[in-house]
Amino acid sequence: MTYTKAQTTRVSRYKYIRHRIILFLIAHFNHLLNTYMCLYLIILVIHIQSIISNKFILKKEL
């Protein structure tokens, strides 16, 4: 299969755009994942702190 100059530029442009979209999606997903992980870690730390403080309060009451 031989392409004319216009067809090859169109195909390469399509591949370039698709490549850019995939990279953008990966970067965006990575950013969302990082944000989610940060929130999860913060919630986990708060949760652990509340558990520790609850145990401390229970020990004081006993």
N, C-alpha and C. Protein backbone atom coordinates (compact mmCIF):
# COMPACT_ATOMS: atom_id res chain seq x y z
N MET A 1 0.84 -1.20 0.00
CA MET A 1 0.00 0.00 0.00
C MET A 1 0.88 1.25 0.00
N THR A 2 0.65 2.09 -0.99
CA THR A 2 1.40 3.34 -1.04
C THR A 2 0.47 4.49 -0.73
N TYR A 3 0.98 5.43 0.02
CA TYR A 3 0.19 6.60 0.40
C TYR A 3 0.69 7.83 -0.36
N THR A 4 -0.21 8.76 -0.62
CA THR A 4 0.23 10.05 -1.14
C THR A 4 0.73 10.88 0.03
N LYS A 5 1.36 12.01 -0.29
CA LYS A 5 1.92 12.86 0.77
C LYS A 5 0.83 13.31 1.74
N ALA A 6 -0.31 13.71 1.23
CA ALA A 6 -1.40 14.21 2.09
C ALA A 6 -1.90 13.10 3.02
N GLN A 7 -2.00 11.88 2.51
CA GLN A 7 -2.49 10.78 3.34
C GLN A 7 -1.50 10.46 4.46
N THR A 8 -0.20 10.45 4.14
CA THR A 8 0.79 10.12 5.17
C THR A 8 0.78 11.18 6.27
N THR A 9 0.67 12.45 5.87
CA THR A 9 0.64 13.50 6.91
C THR A 9 -0.62 13.37 7.74
N ARG A 10 -1.73 13.01 7.11
CA ARG A 10 -2.98 12.85 7.87
C ARG A 10 -2.84 11.69 8.85
N VAL A 11 -2.28 10.57 8.39
CA VAL A 11 -2.11 9.41 9.26
C VAL A 11 -1.16 9.72 10.40
N SER A 12 -0.04 10.37 10.08
CA SER A 12 0.93 10.68 11.14
C SER A 12 0.34 11.69 12.12
N ARG A 13 -0.46 12.63 11.60
CA ARG A 13 -1.10 13.60 12.49
C ARG A 13 -2.10 12.90 13.39
N TYR A 14 -2.85 11.95 12.84
CA TYR A 14 -3.81 11.19 13.64
C TYR A 14 -3.09 10.40 14.73
N LYS A 15 -1.97 9.75 14.34
CA LYS A 15 -1.21 8.99 15.33
C LYS A 15 -0.66 9.90 16.40
N TYR A 16 -0.19 11.09 16.00
CA TYR A 16 0.36 12.05 16.95
C TYR A 16 -0.71 12.51 17.92
N ILE A 17 -1.89 12.85 17.38
CA ILE A 17 -2.98 13.31 18.24
C ILE A 17 -3.41 12.20 19.20
N ARG A 18 -3.51 10.97 18.67
CA ARG A 18 -3.90 9.85 19.53
C ARG A 18 -2.86 9.64 20.63
N HIS A 19 -1.58 9.75 20.26
CA HIS A 19 -0.50 9.60 21.23
C HIS A 19 -0.61 10.67 22.31
N ARG A 20 -0.88 11.93 21.89
CA ARG A 20 -1.03 13.02 22.84
C ARG A 20 -2.21 12.79 23.78
N ILE A 21 -3.32 12.30 23.24
CA ILE A 21 -4.52 12.05 24.06
C ILE A 21 -4.23 10.96 25.09
N ILE A 22 -3.55 9.89 24.65
CA ILE A 22 -3.22 8.79 25.57
C ILE A 22 -2.31 9.30 26.68
N LEU A 23 -1.29 10.09 26.31
CA LEU A 23 -0.37 10.64 27.31
C LEU A 23 -1.12 11.54 28.29
N PHE A 24 -2.04 12.37 27.74
CA PHE A 24 -2.82 13.27 28.58
C PHE A 24 -3.67 12.48 29.57
N LEU A 25 -4.32 11.42 29.06
CA LEU A 25 -5.17 10.60 29.93
C LEU A 25 -4.34 9.93 31.02
N ILE A 26 -3.16 9.41 30.64
CA ILE A 26 -2.30 8.75 31.63
C ILE A 26 -1.88 9.75 32.70
N ALA A 27 -1.47 10.96 32.26
CA ALA A 27 -1.03 11.98 33.21
C ALA A 27 -2.19 12.39 34.12
N HIS A 28 -3.38 12.56 33.52
CA HIS A 28 -4.55 12.96 34.29
C HIS A 28 -4.93 11.88 35.29
N PHE A 29 -4.91 10.63 34.85
CA PHE A 29 -5.25 9.51 35.73
C PHE A 29 -4.25 9.41 36.87
N ASN A 30 -2.98 9.60 36.53
CA ASN A 30 -1.93 9.56 37.54
C ASN A 30 -2.15 10.66 38.58
N HIS A 31 -2.51 11.85 38.11
CA HIS A 31 -2.77 12.97 39.01
C HIS A 31 -3.96 12.66 39.93
N LEU A 32 -5.02 12.11 39.34
CA LEU A 32 -6.20 11.76 40.14
C LEU A 32 -5.85 10.70 41.16
N LEU A 33 -5.05 9.72 40.74
CA LEU A 33 -4.65 8.64 41.63
C LEU A 33 -3.83 9.19 42.79
N ASN A 34 -2.90 10.09 42.49
CA ASN A 34 -2.08 10.70 43.54
C ASN A 34 -2.94 11.48 44.52
N THR A 35 -3.90 12.26 43.99
CA THR A 35 -4.79 13.03 44.86
C THR A 35 -5.58 12.10 45.75
N TYR A 36 -6.11 11.02 45.15
CA TYR A 36 -6.92 10.06 45.90
C TYR A 36 -6.08 9.40 46.99
N MET A 37 -4.85 9.03 46.64
CA MET A 37 -3.97 8.38 47.62
C MET A 37 -3.65 9.34 48.77
N CYS A 38 -3.41 10.61 48.45
CA CYS A 38 -3.13 11.59 49.50
C CYS A 38 -4.33 11.71 50.45
N LEU A 39 -5.52 11.81 49.87
CA LEU A 39 -6.73 11.90 50.70
C LEU A 39 -6.88 10.66 51.57
N TYR A 40 -6.63 9.50 50.95
CA TYR A 40 -6.77 8.24 51.67
C TYR A 40 -5.79 8.18 52.83
N LEU A 41 -4.55 8.61 52.59
CA LEU A 41 -3.54 8.59 53.66
C LEU A 41 -3.92 9.55 54.78
N ILE A 42 -4.42 10.73 54.40
CA ILE A 42 -4.83 11.71 55.42
C ILE A 42 -5.96 11.13 56.27
N ILE A 43 -6.95 10.52 55.60
CA ILE A 43 -8.08 9.92 56.34
C ILE A 43 -7.58 8.80 57.24
N LEU A 44 -6.65 8.00 56.73
CA LEU A 44 -6.09 6.89 57.51
C LEU A 44 -5.38 7.41 58.75
N VAL A 45 -4.57 8.46 58.59
CA VAL A 45 -3.84 9.03 59.73
C VAL A 45 -4.82 9.57 60.76
N ILE A 46 -5.84 10.29 60.30
CA ILE A 46 -6.84 10.83 61.23
C ILE A 46 -7.55 9.69 61.96
N HIS A 47 -7.88 8.65 61.21
CA HIS A 47 -8.56 7.49 61.79
C HIS A 47 -7.70 6.83 62.86
N ILE A 48 -6.42 6.62 62.54
CA ILE A 48 -5.50 5.99 63.50
C ILE A 48 -5.36 6.87 64.74
N GLN A 49 -5.24 8.19 64.53
CA GLN A 49 -5.12 9.10 65.67
C GLN A 49 -6.35 9.03 66.56
N SER A 50 -7.54 8.97 65.93
CA SER A 50 -8.77 8.91 66.73
C SER A 50 -8.84 7.59 67.50
N ILE A 51 -8.39 6.49 66.88
CA ILE A 51 -8.38 5.19 67.57
C ILE A 51 -7.43 5.26 68.78
N ILE A 52 -6.25 5.82 68.56
CA ILE A 52 -5.27 5.92 69.65
C ILE A 52 -5.82 6.79 70.78
N SER A 53 -6.42 7.92 70.42
CA SER A 53 -6.97 8.81 71.45
C SER A 53 -8.14 8.14 72.18
N ASN A 54 -8.93 7.37 71.46
CA ASN A 54 -10.04 6.65 72.10
C ASN A 54 -9.50 5.62 73.10
N LYS A 55 -8.47 4.88 72.72
CA LYS A 55 -7.88 3.91 73.64
C LYS A 55 -7.30 4.61 74.86
N PHE A 56 -6.67 5.76 74.62
CA PHE A 56 -6.08 6.54 75.71
C PHE A 56 -7.17 7.00 76.68
N ILE A 57 -8.28 7.48 76.14
CA ILE A 57 -9.41 7.93 76.97
C ILE A 57 -9.98 6.75 77.76
N LEU A 58 -10.11 5.60 77.09
CA LEU A 58 -10.64 4.42 77.77
C LEU A 58 -9.73 4.00 78.91
N LYS A 59 -8.41 4.05 78.66
CA LYS A 59 -7.47 3.70 79.72
C LYS A 59 -7.59 4.66 80.90
N LYS A 60 -7.76 5.94 80.59
CA LYS A 60 -7.91 6.93 81.66
C LYS A 60 -9.15 6.66 82.49
N GLU A 61 -10.25 6.30 81.80
CA GLU A 61 -11.50 6.04 82.50
C GLU A 61 -11.40 4.79 83.37
N LEU A 62 -10.65 3.80 82.90
CA LEU A 62 -10.48 2.59 83.70
C LEU A 62 -9.59 2.89 84.90
